[in-house]
Amino acid sequence: MLDTVPAVVFAAAAHILVPRADDPDAHVGTWPVYAFVLPDAALAAAPGGPALLTRLGTGENVRLLDRPARWSVLSPDGPLLRLELAAAAPEPFALGVAVAAHPLLRQLPSLAAGATVGVTTDSRASALRPGIGVRDALGLLALARAEPLPDLAELV
């Protein structure tokens, strides 16, 4: 696919999405979904970012990336994590997302096991509010299943 190391965009926020118990679509997908919010301008400027923006701009209900996401530990002091996203179609891209792990420390065992992750832009993330339905929430994200990385659980 891409032979270079992808650009890295720092996540501005992280959300842990869990469906309401009464949501008729609660069975859709794998829960929780860890959603990372990327600044629109940084994403537009990063190599690979415009392809992801195009993917987010489609009218699809669910945008599932066709490659697994991969975690790595950039720095155990902090700690700082990297989530690598990639897709081969419809337009190839690769992008790294830097994530501060401290706010997610209690979630690291779940992330280490291979959780569902999603990314969106800060302009779209304003709609991720309490009470949003599953279909609406998933429609704001590009989703991927992350490969397991047991080292994440050791950061706790």
Protein backbone atom coordinates (compact mmCIF):
# COMPACT_ATOMS: atom_id res chain seq x y z
CA MET A 1 0.00 0.00 0.00
CA LEU A 2 1.94 3.06 1.23
CA ASP A 3 5.65 2.57 1.85
CA THR A 4 6.23 5.65 3.96
CA VAL A 5 5.48 6.26 7.61
CA PRO A 6 2.12 8.02 7.73
CA ALA A 7 1.72 11.53 9.05
CA VAL A 8 0.52 11.90 12.62
CA VAL A 9 -2.36 14.08 13.73
CA PHE A 10 -2.91 14.64 17.46
CA ALA A 11 -6.35 13.71 18.74
CA ALA A 12 -8.05 16.72 20.31
CA ALA A 13 -10.48 14.56 22.31
CA ALA A 14 -11.61 11.01 22.88
CA HIS A 15 -15.12 9.71 23.47
CA ILE A 16 -16.21 6.30 24.66
CA LEU A 17 -19.47 5.49 22.91
CA VAL A 18 -21.91 3.02 24.44
CA PRO A 19 -25.48 2.65 23.14
CA ARG A 20 -28.49 3.46 25.27
CA ALA A 21 -30.14 0.30 26.56
CA ASP A 22 -33.38 1.18 24.77
CA ASP A 23 -31.75 1.94 21.41
CA PRO A 24 -33.15 -0.48 18.81
CA ASP A 25 -29.78 -0.50 17.04
CA ALA A 26 -27.72 -1.33 20.13
CA HIS A 27 -26.87 -4.73 18.64
CA VAL A 28 -25.03 -3.08 15.73
CA GLY A 29 -21.26 -3.22 15.92
CA THR A 30 -18.94 -3.95 18.78
CA TRP A 31 -19.18 -1.87 21.93
CA PRO A 32 -17.77 0.27 23.27
CA VAL A 33 -16.48 2.31 20.34
CA TYR A 34 -13.51 4.51 21.14
CA ALA A 35 -13.93 7.66 19.04
CA PHE A 36 -11.03 10.05 18.54
CA VAL A 37 -11.64 13.61 17.42
CA LEU A 38 -9.17 15.15 14.99
CA PRO A 39 -8.91 18.89 14.25
CA ASP A 40 -10.35 19.63 10.78
CA ALA A 41 -7.43 21.86 9.75
CA ALA A 42 -4.74 19.41 10.90
CA LEU A 43 -6.47 16.54 9.11
CA ALA A 44 -6.83 18.55 5.90
CA ALA A 45 -3.12 19.44 5.98
CA ALA A 46 -1.77 15.95 6.76
CA PRO A 47 -0.83 13.53 3.97
CA GLY A 48 -3.62 10.96 3.99
CA GLY A 49 -5.96 13.36 5.75
CA PRO A 50 -7.90 14.56 2.69
CA ALA A 51 -8.73 10.94 1.77
CA LEU A 52 -10.10 10.38 5.27
CA LEU A 53 -12.06 13.64 5.06
CA THR A 54 -13.54 12.45 1.77
CA ARG A 55 -14.48 9.14 3.41
CA LEU A 56 -16.15 10.99 6.30
CA GLY A 57 -18.04 13.19 3.84
CA THR A 58 -19.81 10.33 2.10
CA GLY A 59 -23.45 9.66 2.86
CA GLU A 60 -22.77 6.12 4.05
CA ASN A 61 -24.42 5.05 7.31
CA VAL A 62 -21.26 3.24 8.42
CA ARG A 63 -17.76 3.87 7.09
CA LEU A 64 -15.71 0.79 7.89
CA LEU A 65 -12.06 0.98 6.90
CA ASP A 66 -10.88 -2.11 5.02
CA ARG A 67 -7.63 -2.45 6.97
CA PRO A 68 -7.26 -3.13 10.69
CA ALA A 69 -6.08 -0.29 12.90
CA ARG A 70 -2.82 -0.78 14.76
CA TRP A 71 -1.76 0.57 18.14
CA SER A 72 1.79 1.33 19.15
CA VAL A 73 3.36 2.98 22.16
CA LEU A 74 5.24 6.12 21.16
CA SER A 75 6.39 6.89 24.67
CA PRO A 76 5.73 4.87 27.82
CA ASP A 77 6.45 8.01 29.85
CA GLY A 78 3.25 9.94 29.64
CA PRO A 79 2.17 7.63 27.98
CA LEU A 80 1.63 8.61 24.37
CA LEU A 81 0.02 6.17 21.96
CA ARG A 82 -0.22 6.01 18.19
CA LEU A 83 -3.19 4.60 16.34
CA GLU A 84 -2.41 3.84 12.71
CA LEU A 85 -5.37 3.87 10.34
CA ALA A 86 -5.24 2.76 6.73
CA ALA A 87 -7.51 1.85 3.86
CA ALA A 88 -6.93 0.47 0.38
CA ALA A 89 -10.27 1.51 -1.11
CA PRO A 90 -11.99 3.52 -2.33
CA GLU A 91 -8.91 5.75 -2.04
CA PRO A 92 -5.72 4.46 -0.39
CA PHE A 93 -4.50 6.35 2.65
CA ALA A 94 -2.60 5.89 5.88
CA LEU A 95 -2.68 8.21 8.85
CA GLY A 96 -1.36 8.07 12.39
CA VAL A 97 -3.35 9.44 15.31
CA ALA A 98 -1.42 10.40 18.45
CA VAL A 99 -3.43 9.82 21.61
CA ALA A 100 -2.59 10.77 25.18
CA ALA A 101 -3.23 7.59 27.14
CA HIS A 102 -3.69 9.14 30.57
CA PRO A 103 -7.42 9.92 30.12
CA LEU A 104 -7.92 6.34 28.90
CA LEU A 105 -5.88 4.48 31.53
CA ARG A 106 -8.89 2.50 32.83
CA GLN A 107 -9.78 1.60 29.24
CA LEU A 108 -6.33 0.35 28.19
CA PRO A 109 -7.14 -3.35 28.85
CA SER A 110 -10.11 -3.08 26.49
CA LEU A 111 -8.04 -1.24 23.88
CA ALA A 112 -5.25 -3.83 24.25
CA ALA A 113 -7.70 -6.63 23.46
CA GLY A 114 -8.56 -5.16 20.05
CA ALA A 115 -11.42 -2.70 20.39
CA THR A 116 -13.46 -0.94 17.74
CA VAL A 117 -12.06 2.54 17.12
CA GLY A 118 -13.41 5.46 15.18
CA VAL A 119 -12.23 8.87 14.09
CA THR A 120 -14.09 12.00 13.23
CA THR A 121 -13.40 15.71 12.90
CA ASP A 122 -14.02 18.34 15.54
CA SER A 123 -16.71 19.93 13.36
CA ARG A 124 -18.60 16.62 13.18
CA ALA A 125 -17.95 15.65 16.80
CA SER A 126 -20.23 18.37 18.14
CA ALA A 127 -23.11 16.02 17.25
CA LEU A 128 -21.68 13.27 19.53
CA ARG A 129 -23.77 14.22 22.54
CA PRO A 130 -25.59 12.24 25.20
CA GLY A 131 -28.73 10.63 23.85
CA ILE A 132 -27.57 10.36 20.23
CA GLY A 133 -28.78 7.18 18.56
CA VAL A 134 -26.44 4.43 17.42
CA ARG A 135 -27.00 5.00 13.70
CA ASP A 136 -26.44 8.73 14.02
CA ALA A 137 -23.27 8.26 16.08
CA LEU A 138 -21.79 5.64 13.76
CA GLY A 139 -22.63 7.86 10.79
CA LEU A 140 -20.22 10.50 12.12
CA LEU A 141 -17.21 8.17 12.26
CA ALA A 142 -14.79 6.21 10.12
CA LEU A 143 -14.51 2.89 11.96
CA ALA A 144 -11.87 0.18 12.18
CA ARG A 145 -11.23 -2.83 14.33
CA ALA A 146 -7.89 -2.45 16.10
CA GLU A 147 -5.52 -5.37 16.26
CA PRO A 148 -4.77 -6.57 19.80
CA LEU A 149 -1.65 -5.14 21.45
CA PRO A 150 -1.13 -6.63 24.94
CA ASP A 151 1.58 -4.03 25.71
CA LEU A 152 -1.15 -1.40 26.13
CA ALA A 153 -2.57 -3.17 29.19
CA GLU A 154 0.89 -3.06 30.82
CA LEU A 155 0.83 0.76 30.83
CA VAL A 156 -1.84 0.80 33.54
